Amino acid sequence: MKKTLTAAALGFALLFSAGVTEASASILSKTVNNTVGIPYQFGGSTLSGFDCSGFTRYVYKQLGVNLPHSSKQQFHKGQAIKKSELVKGDLVFFNTSGSGVSHVGIYLGNNQFVSATSSKGIAITPINKGYWSSKYYGAKRILSPASAERAGL
């Protein structure tokens, strides 16, 4: 329990240290705070456990968007964007298997993203350091600017 609370506090701190105002981060920060530390579960898409695409699907459902439960299918949604153009809420994709898209997360700003990992469950991780930096595959913007503004991003 202590680990989960610490992870949630870290998630909250990272969101706000990135310069996000309380009002503009309400949906995303609330969802992240409620999910950081939840364990990985293959095929999971509920607060009992998530896999990576189940997690992104769950978060986007909170934002009023329906996504498929597959990282490869999610990669075919939205508008492709450059890594240098990432904004909070964009989906980020990784090649962890050596054969294309195999992992997805949500960009939080400040070079951080949140995803469901098999080792840590829902976790906030740097996108440009360590394991994930060499696995980065691409990014998609799912929400239109107007939708993102309504969602508080």
C-alpha atoms as a PDB file:
ATOM      1  CA  MET A   1       0.000   0.000   0.000  1.00  0.00           C
ATOM      2  CA  LYS A   2       2.832   2.373   0.877  1.00  0.00           C
ATOM      3  CA  LYS A   3       4.420   1.713  -2.531  1.00  0.00           C
ATOM      4  CA  THR A   4       1.146   2.510  -4.308  1.00  0.00           C
ATOM      5  CA  LEU A   5       0.675   5.748  -2.375  1.00  0.00           C
ATOM      6  CA  THR A   6       4.258   6.779  -3.059  1.00  0.00           C
ATOM      7  CA  ALA A   7       3.843   6.052  -6.770  1.00  0.00           C
ATOM      8  CA  ALA A   8       0.584   8.015  -6.894  1.00  0.00           C
ATOM      9  CA  ALA A   9       2.204  10.964  -5.141  1.00  0.00           C
ATOM     10  CA  LEU A  10       5.121  10.822  -7.589  1.00  0.00           C
ATOM     11  CA  GLY A  11       2.719  10.799 -10.539  1.00  0.00           C
ATOM     12  CA  PHE A  12       0.862  13.788  -9.159  1.00  0.00           C
ATOM     13  CA  ALA A  13       4.113  15.661  -8.488  1.00  0.00           C
ATOM     14  CA  LEU A  14       5.460  14.952 -11.969  1.00  0.00           C
ATOM     15  CA  LEU A  15       2.328  16.256 -13.622  1.00  0.00           C
ATOM     16  CA  PHE A  16       2.416  19.502 -11.710  1.00  0.00           C
ATOM     17  CA  SER A  17       6.188  19.973 -11.874  1.00  0.00           C
ATOM     18  CA  ALA A  18       5.775  20.001 -15.648  1.00  0.00           C
ATOM     19  CA  GLY A  19       3.935  23.329 -15.317  1.00  0.00           C
ATOM     20  CA  VAL A  20       0.412  21.986 -15.583  1.00  0.00           C
ATOM     21  CA  THR A  21      -2.229  23.961 -13.749  1.00  0.00           C
ATOM     22  CA  GLU A  22      -4.613  22.198 -11.405  1.00  0.00           C
ATOM     23  CA  ALA A  23      -7.616  22.873 -13.616  1.00  0.00           C
ATOM     24  CA  SER A  24      -5.960  21.861 -16.877  1.00  0.00           C
ATOM     25  CA  ALA A  25      -4.688  18.525 -15.558  1.00  0.00           C
ATOM     26  CA  SER A  26      -7.770  17.437 -13.656  1.00  0.00           C
ATOM     27  CA  ILE A  27      -8.926  14.485 -15.782  1.00  0.00           C
ATOM     28  CA  LEU A  28      -5.499  13.137 -16.667  1.00  0.00           C
ATOM     29  CA  SER A  29      -3.946  13.661 -13.230  1.00  0.00           C
ATOM     30  CA  LYS A  30      -6.956  12.169 -11.461  1.00  0.00           C
ATOM     31  CA  THR A  31      -6.841   9.103 -13.676  1.00  0.00           C
ATOM     32  CA  VAL A  32      -3.075   8.710 -13.288  1.00  0.00           C
ATOM     33  CA  ASN A  33      -3.296   9.154  -9.512  1.00  0.00           C
ATOM     34  CA  ASN A  34      -6.021   6.510  -9.339  1.00  0.00           C
ATOM     35  CA  THR A  35      -4.074   3.983 -11.400  1.00  0.00           C
ATOM     36  CA  VAL A  36      -0.332   4.297 -10.655  1.00  0.00           C
ATOM     37  CA  GLY A  37       0.772   1.092  -8.952  1.00  0.00           C
ATOM     38  CA  ILE A  38      -2.139  -1.055 -10.172  1.00  0.00           C
ATOM     39  CA  PRO A  39      -0.615  -4.385 -11.234  1.00  0.00           C
ATOM     40  CA  TYR A  40      -0.088  -5.616 -14.766  1.00  0.00           C
ATOM     41  CA  GLN A  41      -2.633  -8.132 -15.994  1.00  0.00           C
ATOM     42  CA  PHE A  42      -2.468  -9.563 -19.508  1.00  0.00           C
ATOM     43  CA  GLY A  43      -5.697  -8.558 -21.263  1.00  0.00           C
ATOM     44  CA  GLY A  44      -6.650  -6.369 -18.290  1.00  0.00           C
ATOM     45  CA  SER A  45      -8.646  -3.197 -18.757  1.00  0.00           C
ATOM     46  CA  THR A  46     -10.041  -2.477 -15.278  1.00  0.00           C
ATOM     47  CA  LEU A  47      -8.806  -1.131 -11.945  1.00  0.00           C
ATOM     48  CA  SER A  48      -8.072  -4.754 -10.972  1.00  0.00           C
ATOM     49  CA  GLY A  49      -5.241  -4.852 -13.507  1.00  0.00           C
ATOM     50  CA  PHE A  50      -4.209  -3.498 -16.893  1.00  0.00           C
ATOM     51  CA  ASP A  51      -2.125  -4.393 -19.880  1.00  0.00           C
ATOM     52  CA  CYS A  52      -0.691  -1.486 -21.852  1.00  0.00           C
ATOM     53  CA  SER A  53      -3.483  -1.044 -24.390  1.00  0.00           C
ATOM     54  CA  GLY A  54      -6.161  -1.792 -21.790  1.00  0.00           C
ATOM     55  CA  PHE A  55      -4.734   1.061 -19.734  1.00  0.00           C
ATOM     56  CA  THR A  56      -4.690   3.579 -22.599  1.00  0.00           C
ATOM     57  CA  ARG A  57      -8.176   2.469 -23.575  1.00  0.00           C
ATOM     58  CA  TYR A  58      -9.357   3.016 -19.966  1.00  0.00           C
ATOM     59  CA  VAL A  59      -7.813   6.494 -19.736  1.00  0.00           C
ATOM     60  CA  TYR A  60      -9.175   7.616 -23.090  1.00  0.00           C
ATOM     61  CA  LYS A  61     -12.608   6.330 -22.131  1.00  0.00           C
ATOM     62  CA  GLN A  62     -12.446   8.803 -19.208  1.00  0.00           C
ATOM     63  CA  LEU A  63     -11.782  11.458 -21.872  1.00  0.00           C
ATOM     64  CA  GLY A  64     -14.800  10.340 -23.914  1.00  0.00           C
ATOM     65  CA  VAL A  65     -12.861   8.485 -26.627  1.00  0.00           C
ATOM     66  CA  ASN A  66     -13.245   4.810 -27.501  1.00  0.00           C
ATOM     67  CA  LEU A  67     -10.002   3.038 -28.483  1.00  0.00           C
ATOM     68  CA  PRO A  68      -9.489  -0.596 -29.492  1.00  0.00           C
ATOM     69  CA  HIS A  69      -7.789  -2.937 -26.998  1.00  0.00           C
ATOM     70  CA  SER A  70      -4.616  -3.492 -29.005  1.00  0.00           C
ATOM     71  CA  SER A  71      -1.482  -1.339 -29.223  1.00  0.00           C
ATOM     72  CA  LYS A  72      -1.145  -2.160 -32.932  1.00  0.00           C
ATOM     73  CA  GLN A  73      -4.753  -1.134 -33.608  1.00  0.00           C
ATOM     74  CA  GLN A  74      -4.340   2.035 -31.510  1.00  0.00           C
ATOM     75  CA  PHE A  75      -1.299   2.917 -33.631  1.00  0.00           C
ATOM     76  CA  HIS A  76      -3.608   3.140 -36.648  1.00  0.00           C
ATOM     77  CA  LYS A  77      -5.761   5.815 -34.960  1.00  0.00           C
ATOM     78  CA  GLY A  78      -5.193   9.554 -34.830  1.00  0.00           C
ATOM     79  CA  GLN A  79      -2.588  11.776 -36.453  1.00  0.00           C
ATOM     80  CA  ALA A  80       1.102  10.828 -36.563  1.00  0.00           C
ATOM     81  CA  ILE A  81       3.305  13.369 -34.822  1.00  0.00           C
ATOM     82  CA  LYS A  82       7.028  13.850 -34.321  1.00  0.00           C
ATOM     83  CA  LYS A  83       8.554  13.135 -30.936  1.00  0.00           C
ATOM     84  CA  SER A  84       9.510  16.811 -30.697  1.00  0.00           C
ATOM     85  CA  GLU A  85       5.792  17.752 -31.029  1.00  0.00           C
ATOM     86  CA  LEU A  86       4.479  15.609 -28.147  1.00  0.00           C
ATOM     87  CA  VAL A  87       1.894  17.181 -25.853  1.00  0.00           C
ATOM     88  CA  LYS A  88       0.141  15.818 -22.780  1.00  0.00           C
ATOM     89  CA  GLY A  89      -2.311  13.113 -23.697  1.00  0.00           C
ATOM     90  CA  ASP A  90      -0.612  11.925 -26.892  1.00  0.00           C
ATOM     91  CA  LEU A  91      -0.190   8.178 -27.292  1.00  0.00           C
ATOM     92  CA  VAL A  92       3.435   7.007 -27.470  1.00  0.00           C
ATOM     93  CA  PHE A  93       4.338   3.662 -29.012  1.00  0.00           C
ATOM     94  CA  PHE A  94       7.285   1.352 -28.524  1.00  0.00           C
ATOM     95  CA  ASN A  95       8.795  -1.686 -30.227  1.00  0.00           C
ATOM     96  CA  THR A  96       9.736  -4.053 -27.403  1.00  0.00           C
ATOM     97  CA  SER A  97       9.472  -7.275 -29.388  1.00  0.00           C
ATOM     98  CA  GLY A  98      11.579  -6.434 -32.440  1.00  0.00           C
ATOM     99  CA  SER A  99       8.588  -6.665 -34.776  1.00  0.00           C
ATOM    100  CA  GLY A 100       6.833  -3.289 -34.721  1.00  0.00           C
ATOM    101  CA  VAL A 101       4.420  -1.758 -32.232  1.00  0.00           C
ATOM    102  CA  SER A 102       4.139  -3.852 -29.079  1.00  0.00           C
ATOM    103  CA  HIS A 103       3.667  -1.295 -26.262  1.00  0.00           C
ATOM    104  CA  VAL A 104       1.706   1.938 -25.790  1.00  0.00           C
ATOM    105  CA  GLY A 105       1.593   4.637 -23.145  1.00  0.00           C
ATOM    106  CA  ILE A 106       0.370   8.205 -22.626  1.00  0.00           C
ATOM    107  CA  TYR A 107       2.693  11.195 -22.733  1.00  0.00           C
ATOM    108  CA  LEU A 108       2.490  13.360 -19.593  1.00  0.00           C
ATOM    109  CA  GLY A 109       4.860  16.163 -20.559  1.00  0.00           C
ATOM    110  CA  ASN A 110       8.330  16.872 -19.213  1.00  0.00           C
ATOM    111  CA  ASN A 111       9.679  13.809 -21.092  1.00  0.00           C
ATOM    112  CA  GLN A 112       7.569  11.457 -18.949  1.00  0.00           C
ATOM    113  CA  PHE A 113       4.945   8.909 -19.956  1.00  0.00           C
ATOM    114  CA  VAL A 114       2.675   6.535 -18.078  1.00  0.00           C
ATOM    115  CA  SER A 115       1.973   2.967 -19.097  1.00  0.00           C
ATOM    116  CA  ALA A 116       1.191  -0.520 -17.829  1.00  0.00           C
ATOM    117  CA  THR A 117       4.436  -2.458 -17.521  1.00  0.00           C
ATOM    118  CA  SER A 118       4.758  -6.137 -16.755  1.00  0.00           C
ATOM    119  CA  SER A 119       7.419  -5.398 -14.115  1.00  0.00           C
ATOM    120  CA  LYS A 120       5.902  -2.422 -12.235  1.00  0.00           C
ATOM    121  CA  GLY A 121       2.252  -2.249 -13.239  1.00  0.00           C
ATOM    122  CA  ILE A 122       1.090   1.294 -14.007  1.00  0.00           C
ATOM    123  CA  ALA A 123       4.229   3.411 -13.812  1.00  0.00           C
ATOM    124  CA  ILE A 124       5.526   6.829 -14.845  1.00  0.00           C
ATOM    125  CA  THR A 125       8.791   6.583 -16.734  1.00  0.00           C
ATOM    126  CA  PRO A 126      11.201   8.864 -18.613  1.00  0.00           C
ATOM    127  CA  ILE A 127      10.744   8.538 -22.365  1.00  0.00           C
ATOM    128  CA  ASN A 128      14.300   9.563 -23.307  1.00  0.00           C
ATOM    129  CA  LYS A 129      16.329   7.553 -20.781  1.00  0.00           C
ATOM    130  CA  GLY A 130      16.955   3.933 -20.030  1.00  0.00           C
ATOM    131  CA  TYR A 131      15.068   1.039 -21.547  1.00  0.00           C
ATOM    132  CA  TRP A 132      12.332   3.012 -23.298  1.00  0.00           C
ATOM    133  CA  SER A 133      14.575   5.469 -25.160  1.00  0.00           C
ATOM    134  CA  SER A 134      15.857   2.828 -27.579  1.00  0.00           C
ATOM    135  CA  LYS A 135      12.402   1.232 -27.983  1.00  0.00           C
ATOM    136  CA  TYR A 136      10.514   4.381 -29.045  1.00  0.00           C
ATOM    137  CA  TYR A 137       8.544   3.745 -32.256  1.00  0.00           C
ATOM    138  CA  GLY A 138       6.256   6.734 -32.800  1.00  0.00           C
ATOM    139  CA  ALA A 139       3.390   8.832 -31.492  1.00  0.00           C
ATOM    140  CA  LYS A 140      -0.206   9.633 -32.359  1.00  0.00           C
ATOM    141  CA  ARG A 141      -2.425  12.534 -31.412  1.00  0.00           C
ATOM    142  CA  ILE A 142      -5.899  11.171 -30.829  1.00  0.00           C
ATOM    143  CA  LEU A 143      -7.646  14.243 -29.441  1.00  0.00           C
ATOM    144  CA  SER A 144      -8.324  17.311 -31.543  1.00  0.00           C
ATOM    145  CA  PRO A 145      -7.186  20.586 -29.946  1.00  0.00           C
ATOM    146  CA  ALA A 146     -10.816  21.408 -29.062  1.00  0.00           C
ATOM    147  CA  SER A 147     -11.370  17.954 -27.506  1.00  0.00           C
ATOM    148  CA  ALA A 148      -8.108  18.216 -25.559  1.00  0.00           C
ATOM    149  CA  GLU A 149      -9.133  21.619 -24.217  1.00  0.00           C
ATOM    150  CA  ARG A 150     -12.545  20.281 -23.137  1.00  0.00           C
ATOM    151  CA  ALA A 151     -10.769  17.356 -21.440  1.00  0.00           C
ATOM    152  CA  GLY A 152      -8.555  19.762 -19.525  1.00  0.00           C
ATOM    153  CA  LEU A 153      -5.284  18.911 -21.269  1.00  0.00           C
END
